[in-house]
């Protein structure tokens, strides 16, 4: 049988602020992504709650599901009105 690969998630921070992405689900992680940079992480597959925090911006929260053998690109940018946008 073929091994199931962990979902690969690349988080892009297009903003001018460092962000921290917290995920809570099959595993809990805090992923720091500097301004203008990106980070690639491998998470256990499943459903997650997430929160994204940056200085002077209210945390943005939501839900996301990552499936095995899939690659995801997760983009964060700054929207003047609402803080972080997706």
PDB file of N, CA and C in Angstrom:
ATOM      1  N   UNK A   1       0.847  -1.196   0.000  1.00  0.00           N
ATOM      2  CA  UNK A   1       0.000   0.000   0.000  1.00  0.00           C
ATOM      3  C   UNK A   1       0.880   1.243   0.000  1.00  0.00           C
ATOM      4  N   UNK A   2       0.413   2.263  -0.663  1.00  0.00           N
ATOM      5  CA  UNK A   2       1.184   3.497  -0.771  1.00  0.00           C
ATOM      6  C   UNK A   2       1.062   4.315   0.515  1.00  0.00           C
ATOM      7  N   UNK A   3       2.173   4.824   0.980  1.00  0.00           N
ATOM      8  CA  UNK A   3       2.148   5.639   2.195  1.00  0.00           C
ATOM      9  C   UNK A   3       1.393   6.938   1.939  1.00  0.00           C
ATOM     10  N   UNK A   4       0.590   7.348   2.906  1.00  0.00           N
ATOM     11  CA  UNK A   4      -0.106   8.623   2.800  1.00  0.00           C
ATOM     12  C   UNK A   4       0.863   9.723   3.221  1.00  0.00           C
ATOM     13  N   UNK A   5       1.025  10.698   2.354  1.00  0.00           N
ATOM     14  CA  UNK A   5       1.934  11.793   2.675  1.00  0.00           C
ATOM     15  C   UNK A   5       1.195  12.888   3.432  1.00  0.00           C
ATOM     16  N   UNK A   6       1.895  13.473   4.390  1.00  0.00           N
ATOM     17  CA  UNK A   6       1.294  14.578   5.131  1.00  0.00           C
ATOM     18  C   UNK A   6       1.016  15.740   4.189  1.00  0.00           C
ATOM     19  N   UNK A   7      -0.078  16.469   4.429  1.00  0.00           N
ATOM     20  CA  UNK A   7      -0.328  17.667   3.626  1.00  0.00           C
ATOM     21  C   UNK A   7       0.851  18.635   3.734  1.00  0.00           C
ATOM     22  N   UNK A   8       1.225  19.192   2.599  1.00  0.00           N
ATOM     23  CA  UNK A   8       2.289  20.202   2.569  1.00  0.00           C
ATOM     24  C   UNK A   8       1.614  21.564   2.466  1.00  0.00           C
ATOM     25  N   UNK A   9       1.918  22.433   3.412  1.00  0.00           N
ATOM     26  CA  UNK A   9       1.275  23.746   3.453  1.00  0.00           C
ATOM     27  C   UNK A   9       2.348  24.827   3.373  1.00  0.00           C
ATOM     28  N   UNK A  10       2.275  25.654   2.333  1.00  0.00           N
ATOM     29  CA  UNK A  10       3.200  26.767   2.203  1.00  0.00           C
ATOM     30  C   UNK A  10       2.437  28.041   2.551  1.00  0.00           C
ATOM     31  N   UNK A  11       2.908  28.717   3.596  1.00  0.00           N
ATOM     32  CA  UNK A  11       2.256  29.927   4.088  1.00  0.00           C
ATOM     33  C   UNK A  11       3.042  31.140   3.610  1.00  0.00           C
ATOM     34  N   UNK A  12       2.380  31.990   2.832  1.00  0.00           N
ATOM     35  CA  UNK A  12       3.015  33.199   2.301  1.00  0.00           C
ATOM     36  C   UNK A  12       2.511  34.409   3.081  1.00  0.00           C
ATOM     37  N   UNK A  13       3.436  35.189   3.576  1.00  0.00           N
ATOM     38  CA  UNK A  13       3.085  36.424   4.271  1.00  0.00           C
ATOM     39  C   UNK A  13       3.410  37.590   3.346  1.00  0.00           C
ATOM     40  N   UNK A  14       2.388  38.132   2.700  1.00  0.00           N
ATOM     41  CA  UNK A  14       2.589  39.234   1.752  1.00  0.00           C
ATOM     42  C   UNK A  14       2.534  40.585   2.455  1.00  0.00           C
ATOM     43  N   UNK A  15       2.361  40.564   3.762  1.00  0.00           N
ATOM     44  CA  UNK A  15       2.217  41.818   4.493  1.00  0.00           C
ATOM     45  C   UNK A  15       3.569  42.373   4.915  1.00  0.00           C
ATOM     46  N   UNK A  16       3.533  43.551   5.498  1.00  0.00           N
ATOM     47  CA  UNK A  16       4.753  44.194   5.973  1.00  0.00           C
ATOM     48  C   UNK A  16       4.936  43.962   7.467  1.00  0.00           C
ATOM     49  N   UNK A  17       4.182  43.025   8.016  1.00  0.00           N
ATOM     50  CA  UNK A  17       4.300  42.698   9.438  1.00  0.00           C
ATOM     51  C   UNK A  17       4.609  41.219   9.583  1.00  0.00           C
ATOM     52  N   UNK A  18       5.379  40.879  10.600  1.00  0.00           N
ATOM     53  CA  UNK A  18       5.582  39.466  10.928  1.00  0.00           C
ATOM     54  C   UNK A  18       4.252  38.915  11.424  1.00  0.00           C
ATOM     55  N   UNK A  19       3.955  37.681  11.074  1.00  0.00           N
ATOM     56  CA  UNK A  19       2.719  37.063  11.561  1.00  0.00           C
ATOM     57  C   UNK A  19       3.039  35.738  12.256  1.00  0.00           C
ATOM     58  N   UNK A  20       2.100  35.322  13.095  1.00  0.00           N
ATOM     59  CA  UNK A  20       2.164  33.993  13.703  1.00  0.00           C
ATOM     60  C   UNK A  20       0.849  33.310  13.367  1.00  0.00           C
ATOM     61  N   UNK A  21       0.947  32.144  12.772  1.00  0.00           N
ATOM     62  CA  UNK A  21      -0.230  31.357  12.427  1.00  0.00           C
ATOM     63  C   UNK A  21      -0.310  30.206  13.423  1.00  0.00           C
ATOM     64  N   UNK A  22      -1.368  30.187  14.196  1.00  0.00           N
ATOM     65  CA  UNK A  22      -1.570  29.096  15.146  1.00  0.00           C
ATOM     66  C   UNK A  22      -2.604  28.141  14.582  1.00  0.00           C
ATOM     67  N   UNK A  23      -2.290  26.861  14.567  1.00  0.00           N
ATOM     68  CA  UNK A  23      -3.259  25.860  14.106  1.00  0.00           C
ATOM     69  C   UNK A  23      -3.517  24.872  15.238  1.00  0.00           C
ATOM     70  N   UNK A  24      -4.771  24.446  15.354  1.00  0.00           N
ATOM     71  CA  UNK A  24      -5.147  23.508  16.400  1.00  0.00           C
ATOM     72  C   UNK A  24      -6.093  22.483  15.807  1.00  0.00           C
ATOM     73  N   UNK A  25      -5.699  21.222  15.845  1.00  0.00           N
ATOM     74  CA  UNK A  25      -6.500  20.146  15.267  1.00  0.00           C
ATOM     75  C   UNK A  25      -5.806  18.839  15.568  1.00  0.00           C
ATOM     76  N   UNK A  26      -5.558  18.022  14.539  1.00  0.00           N
ATOM     77  CA  UNK A  26      -4.801  16.784  14.736  1.00  0.00           C
ATOM     78  C   UNK A  26      -3.437  17.050  15.381  1.00  0.00           C
ATOM     79  N   UNK A  27      -2.917  18.241  15.198  1.00  0.00           N
ATOM     80  CA  UNK A  27      -1.720  18.670  15.931  1.00  0.00           C
ATOM     81  C   UNK A  27      -1.836  20.167  16.143  1.00  0.00           C
ATOM     82  N   UNK A  28      -1.108  20.669  17.130  1.00  0.00           N
ATOM     83  CA  UNK A  28      -1.127  22.103  17.423  1.00  0.00           C
ATOM     84  C   UNK A  28       0.250  22.678  17.156  1.00  0.00           C
ATOM     85  N   UNK A  29       0.284  23.775  16.415  1.00  0.00           N
ATOM     86  CA  UNK A  29       1.558  24.395  16.055  1.00  0.00           C
ATOM     87  C   UNK A  29       1.398  25.908  16.049  1.00  0.00           C
ATOM     88  N   UNK A  30       2.500  26.601  16.291  1.00  0.00           N
ATOM     89  CA  UNK A  30       2.575  28.033  16.055  1.00  0.00           C
ATOM     90  C   UNK A  30       3.653  28.211  14.995  1.00  0.00           C
ATOM     91  N   UNK A  31       3.284  28.825  13.879  1.00  0.00           N
ATOM     92  CA  UNK A  31       4.206  28.972  12.761  1.00  0.00           C
ATOM     93  C   UNK A  31       4.464  30.456  12.548  1.00  0.00           C
ATOM     94  N   UNK A  32       5.689  30.871  12.776  1.00  0.00           N
ATOM     95  CA  UNK A  32       6.046  32.277  12.580  1.00  0.00           C
ATOM     96  C   UNK A  32       6.478  32.475  11.132  1.00  0.00           C
ATOM     97  N   UNK A  33       5.923  33.515  10.503  1.00  0.00           N
ATOM     98  CA  UNK A  33       6.292  33.826   9.119  1.00  0.00           C
ATOM     99  C   UNK A  33       6.661  35.308   9.060  1.00  0.00           C
ATOM    100  N   UNK A  34       7.928  35.608   8.840  1.00  0.00           N
ATOM    101  CA  UNK A  34       8.347  37.012   8.783  1.00  0.00           C
ATOM    102  C   UNK A  34       7.681  37.761   7.633  1.00  0.00           C
ATOM    103  N   UNK A  35       7.650  39.083   7.769  1.00  0.00           N
ATOM    104  CA  UNK A  35       7.083  39.935   6.714  1.00  0.00           C
ATOM    105  C   UNK A  35       7.737  39.616   5.374  1.00  0.00           C
ATOM    106  N   UNK A  36       6.919  39.437   4.344  1.00  0.00           N
ATOM    107  CA  UNK A  36       7.425  39.220   2.992  1.00  0.00           C
ATOM    108  C   UNK A  36       8.039  37.856   2.749  1.00  0.00           C
ATOM    109  N   UNK A  37       7.914  36.951   3.706  1.00  0.00           N
ATOM    110  CA  UNK A  37       8.557  35.638   3.571  1.00  0.00           C
ATOM    111  C   UNK A  37       7.508  34.532   3.463  1.00  0.00           C
ATOM    112  N   UNK A  38       7.983  33.301   3.310  1.00  0.00           N
ATOM    113  CA  UNK A  38       7.062  32.168   3.339  1.00  0.00           C
ATOM    114  C   UNK A  38       7.713  31.011   4.086  1.00  0.00           C
ATOM    115  N   UNK A  39       6.875  30.144   4.614  1.00  0.00           N
ATOM    116  CA  UNK A  39       7.335  28.964   5.332  1.00  0.00           C
ATOM    117  C   UNK A  39       6.571  27.761   4.805  1.00  0.00           C
ATOM    118  N   UNK A  40       7.279  26.641   4.684  1.00  0.00           N
ATOM    119  CA  UNK A  40       6.640  25.391   4.268  1.00  0.00           C
ATOM    120  C   UNK A  40       6.599  24.459   5.470  1.00  0.00           C
ATOM    121  N   UNK A  41       5.419  23.942   5.765  1.00  0.00           N
ATOM    122  CA  UNK A  41       5.271  23.028   6.896  1.00  0.00           C
ATOM    123  C   UNK A  41       4.486  21.799   6.452  1.00  0.00           C
ATOM    124  N   UNK A  42       4.659  20.737   7.193  1.00  0.00           N
ATOM    125  CA  UNK A  42       3.904  19.508   6.953  1.00  0.00           C
ATOM    126  C   UNK A  42       3.046  19.256   8.183  1.00  0.00           C
ATOM    127  N   UNK A  43       1.743  19.174   7.995  1.00  0.00           N
ATOM    128  CA  UNK A  43       0.817  18.979   9.108  1.00  0.00           C
ATOM    129  C   UNK A  43       0.113  17.643   8.958  1.00  0.00           C
ATOM    130  N   UNK A  44      -0.325  17.090  10.064  1.00  0.00           N
ATOM    131  CA  UNK A  44      -1.160  15.887   9.970  1.00  0.00           C
ATOM    132  C   UNK A  44      -2.459  16.270   9.269  1.00  0.00           C
ATOM    133  N   UNK A  45      -2.989  15.355   8.459  1.00  0.00           N
ATOM    134  CA  UNK A  45      -4.225  15.653   7.746  1.00  0.00           C
ATOM    135  C   UNK A  45      -5.392  15.742   8.721  1.00  0.00           C
ATOM    136  N   UNK A  46      -6.379  16.539   8.342  1.00  0.00           N
ATOM    137  CA  UNK A  46      -7.572  16.683   9.167  1.00  0.00           C
ATOM    138  C   UNK A  46      -8.062  18.118   9.218  1.00  0.00           C
ATOM    139  N   UNK A  47      -9.034  18.341  10.101  1.00  0.00           N
ATOM    140  CA  UNK A  47      -9.669  19.651  10.230  1.00  0.00           C
ATOM    141  C   UNK A  47      -8.996  20.449  11.341  1.00  0.00           C
ATOM    142  N   UNK A  48      -8.742  21.705  11.057  1.00  0.00           N
ATOM    143  CA  UNK A  48      -8.064  22.593  11.995  1.00  0.00           C
ATOM    144  C   UNK A  48      -8.856  23.871  12.233  1.00  0.00           C
ATOM    145  N   UNK A  49      -8.697  24.404  13.428  1.00  0.00           N
ATOM    146  CA  UNK A  49      -9.066  25.793  13.694  1.00  0.00           C
ATOM    147  C   UNK A  49      -7.761  26.561  13.579  1.00  0.00           C
ATOM    148  N   UNK A  50      -7.841  27.788  13.083  1.00  0.00           N
ATOM    149  CA  UNK A  50      -6.610  28.568  13.005  1.00  0.00           C
ATOM    150  C   UNK A  50      -6.838  29.985  13.512  1.00  0.00           C
ATOM    151  N   UNK A  51      -5.746  30.611  13.908  1.00  0.00           N
ATOM    152  CA  UNK A  51      -5.754  32.019  14.287  1.00  0.00           C
ATOM    153  C   UNK A  51      -4.468  32.633  13.770  1.00  0.00           C
ATOM    154  N   UNK A  52      -4.587  33.797  13.169  1.00  0.00           N
ATOM    155  CA  UNK A  52      -3.424  34.498  12.649  1.00  0.00           C
ATOM    156  C   UNK A  52      -3.295  35.801  13.421  1.00  0.00           C
ATOM    157  N   UNK A  53      -2.116  36.028  13.973  1.00  0.00           N
ATOM    158  CA  UNK A  53      -1.905  37.233  14.769  1.00  0.00           C
ATOM    159  C   UNK A  53      -0.750  38.045  14.216  1.00  0.00           C
ATOM    160  N   UNK A  54      -0.901  39.361  14.293  1.00  0.00           N
ATOM    161  CA  UNK A  54       0.167  40.292  13.945  1.00  0.00           C
ATOM    162  C   UNK A  54       0.011  41.500  14.854  1.00  0.00           C
ATOM    163  N   UNK A  55       1.087  42.233  15.028  1.00  0.00           N
ATOM    164  CA  UNK A  55       1.018  43.416  15.885  1.00  0.00           C
ATOM    165  C   UNK A  55      -0.007  44.404  15.370  1.00  0.00           C
ATOM    166  N   UNK A  56      -0.774  44.984  16.269  1.00  0.00           N
ATOM    167  CA  UNK A  56      -1.738  46.045  15.966  1.00  0.00           C
ATOM    168  C   UNK A  56      -2.880  45.583  15.065  1.00  0.00           C
ATOM    169  N   UNK A  57      -3.069  44.276  14.943  1.00  0.00           N
ATOM    170  CA  UNK A  57      -4.164  43.759  14.118  1.00  0.00           C
ATOM    171  C   UNK A  57      -4.920  42.730  14.950  1.00  0.00           C
ATOM    172  N   UNK A  58      -6.248  42.793  14.911  1.00  0.00           N
ATOM    173  CA  UNK A  58      -7.033  41.788  15.624  1.00  0.00           C
ATOM    174  C   UNK A  58      -6.776  40.428  14.991  1.00  0.00           C
ATOM    175  N   UNK A  59      -6.684  39.377  15.812  1.00  0.00           N
ATOM    176  CA  UNK A  59      -6.457  38.048  15.233  1.00  0.00           C
ATOM    177  C   UNK A  59      -7.566  37.676  14.253  1.00  0.00           C
ATOM    178  N   UNK A  60      -7.174  36.999  13.202  1.00  0.00           N
ATOM    179  CA  UNK A  60      -8.131  36.483  12.223  1.00  0.00           C
ATOM    180  C   UNK A  60      -8.252  34.997  12.481  1.00  0.00           C
ATOM    181  N   UNK A  61      -9.481  34.501  12.618  1.00  0.00           N
ATOM    182  CA  UNK A  61      -9.666  33.088  12.926  1.00  0.00           C
ATOM    183  C   UNK A  61     -10.548  32.429  11.871  1.00  0.00           C
ATOM    184  N   UNK A  62     -10.481  31.108  11.827  1.00  0.00           N
ATOM    185  CA  UNK A  62     -11.298  30.377  10.869  1.00  0.00           C
ATOM    186  C   UNK A  62     -11.032  28.888  10.970  1.00  0.00           C
ATOM    187  N   UNK A  63     -11.513  28.165   9.985  1.00  0.00           N
ATOM    188  CA  UNK A  63     -11.342  26.718   9.933  1.00  0.00           C
ATOM    189  C   UNK A  63     -10.789  26.326   8.579  1.00  0.00           C
ATOM    190  N   UNK A  64      -9.951  25.309   8.581  1.00  0.00           N
ATOM    191  CA  UNK A  64      -9.354  24.840   7.332  1.00  0.00           C
ATOM    192  C   UNK A  64      -9.140  23.328   7.455  1.00  0.00           C
ATOM    193  N   UNK A  65      -9.351  22.612   6.355  1.00  0.00           N
ATOM    194  CA  UNK A  65      -9.120  21.170   6.337  1.00  0.00           C
ATOM    195  C   UNK A  65      -8.003  20.867   5.350  1.00  0.00           C
ATOM    196  N   UNK A  66      -7.045  20.072   5.795  1.00  0.00           N
ATOM    197  CA  UNK A  66      -5.923  19.681   4.949  1.00  0.00           C
ATOM    198  C   UNK A  66      -5.982  18.173   4.733  1.00  0.00           C
ATOM    199  N   UNK A  67      -5.947  17.757   3.474  1.00  0.00           N
ATOM    200  CA  UNK A  67      -6.031  16.332   3.143  1.00  0.00           C
ATOM    201  C   UNK A  67      -4.662  15.753   2.826  1.00  0.00           C
ATOM    202  N   UNK A  68      -4.482  14.500   3.163  1.00  0.00           N
ATOM    203  CA  UNK A  68      -3.228  13.800   2.861  1.00  0.00           C
ATOM    204  C   UNK A  68      -2.978  13.840   1.350  1.00  0.00           C
ATOM    205  N   UNK A  69      -1.696  13.808   0.994  1.00  0.00           N
ATOM    206  CA  UNK A  69      -1.281  13.794  -0.412  1.00  0.00           C
ATOM    207  C   UNK A  69      -1.672  15.053  -1.180  1.00  0.00           C
ATOM    208  N   UNK A  70      -1.951  16.142  -0.470  1.00  0.00           N
ATOM    209  CA  UNK A  70      -2.277  17.404  -1.128  1.00  0.00           C
ATOM    210  C   UNK A  70      -1.260  18.462  -0.733  1.00  0.00           C
ATOM    211  N   UNK A  71      -1.117  19.467  -1.623  1.00  0.00           N
ATOM    212  CA  UNK A  71      -0.281  20.625  -1.325  1.00  0.00           C
ATOM    213  C   UNK A  71      -1.192  21.849  -1.263  1.00  0.00           C
ATOM    214  N   UNK A  72      -0.935  22.698  -0.319  1.00  0.00           N
ATOM    215  CA  UNK A  72      -1.756  23.893  -0.147  1.00  0.00           C
ATOM    216  C   UNK A  72      -0.879  25.133  -0.121  1.00  0.00           C
ATOM    217  N   UNK A  73      -1.403  26.209  -0.698  1.00  0.00           N
ATOM    218  CA  UNK A  73      -0.756  27.507  -0.601  1.00  0.00           C
ATOM    219  C   UNK A  73      -1.715  28.397   0.156  1.00  0.00           C
ATOM    220  N   UNK A  74      -1.216  28.982   1.234  1.00  0.00           N
ATOM    221  CA  UNK A  74      -2.045  29.779   2.132  1.00  0.00           C
ATOM    222  C   UNK A  74      -1.476  31.182   2.113  1.00  0.00           C
ATOM    223  N   UNK A  75      -2.248  32.130   1.587  1.00  0.00           N
ATOM    224  CA  UNK A  75      -1.754  33.493   1.423  1.00  0.00           C
ATOM    225  C   UNK A  75      -2.341  34.444   2.456  1.00  0.00           C
ATOM    226  N   UNK A  76      -1.479  35.247   3.040  1.00  0.00           N
ATOM    227  CA  UNK A  76      -1.927  36.289   3.956  1.00  0.00           C
ATOM    228  C   UNK A  76      -1.402  37.617   3.459  1.00  0.00           C
ATOM    229  N   UNK A  77      -2.266  38.633   3.480  1.00  0.00           N
ATOM    230  CA  UNK A  77      -1.842  39.960   3.079  1.00  0.00           C
ATOM    231  C   UNK A  77      -2.549  40.971   3.948  1.00  0.00           C
ATOM    232  N   UNK A  78      -2.161  42.201   3.830  1.00  0.00           N
ATOM    233  CA  UNK A  78      -2.804  43.219   4.638  1.00  0.00           C
ATOM    234  C   UNK A  78      -3.840  43.955   3.819  1.00  0.00           C
ATOM    235  N   UNK A  79      -5.002  44.071   4.401  1.00  0.00           N
ATOM    236  CA  UNK A  79      -6.096  44.832   3.816  1.00  0.00           C
ATOM    237  C   UNK A  79      -6.337  45.992   4.781  1.00  0.00           C
ATOM    238  N   UNK A  80      -6.251  47.199   4.315  1.00  0.00           N
ATOM    239  CA  UNK A  80      -6.296  48.377   5.189  1.00  0.00           C
ATOM    240  C   UNK A  80      -7.510  48.375   6.107  1.00  0.00           C
ATOM    241  N   UNK A  81      -8.639  47.945   5.590  1.00  0.00           N
ATOM    242  CA  UNK A  81      -9.869  48.050   6.358  1.00  0.00           C
ATOM    243  C   UNK A  81     -10.026  46.926   7.366  1.00  0.00           C
ATOM    244  N   UNK A  82      -9.796  45.702   6.951  1.00  0.00           N
ATOM    245  CA  UNK A  82     -10.131  44.556   7.784  1.00  0.00           C
ATOM    246  C   UNK A  82      -8.926  43.890   8.430  1.00  0.00           C
ATOM    247  N   UNK A  83      -7.755  44.490   8.311  1.00  0.00           N
ATOM    248  CA  UNK A  83      -6.594  43.807   8.867  1.00  0.00           C
ATOM    249  C   UNK A  83      -6.095  42.781   7.869  1.00  0.00           C
ATOM    250  N   UNK A  84      -6.024  41.535   8.283  1.00  0.00           N
ATOM    251  CA  UNK A  84      -5.511  40.509   7.371  1.00  0.00           C
ATOM    252  C   UNK A  84      -6.611  40.014   6.463  1.00  0.00           C
ATOM    253  N   UNK A  85      -6.244  39.735   5.232  1.00  0.00           N
ATOM    254  CA  UNK A  85      -7.228  39.209   4.292  1.00  0.00           C
ATOM    255  C   UNK A  85      -6.706  37.923   3.688  1.00  0.00           C
ATOM    256  N   UNK A  86      -7.614  37.147   3.139  1.00  0.00           N
ATOM    257  CA  UNK A  86      -7.239  35.835   2.597  1.00  0.00           C
ATOM    258  C   UNK A  86      -7.650  35.736   1.138  1.00  0.00           C
TER     259      UNK A  86
END
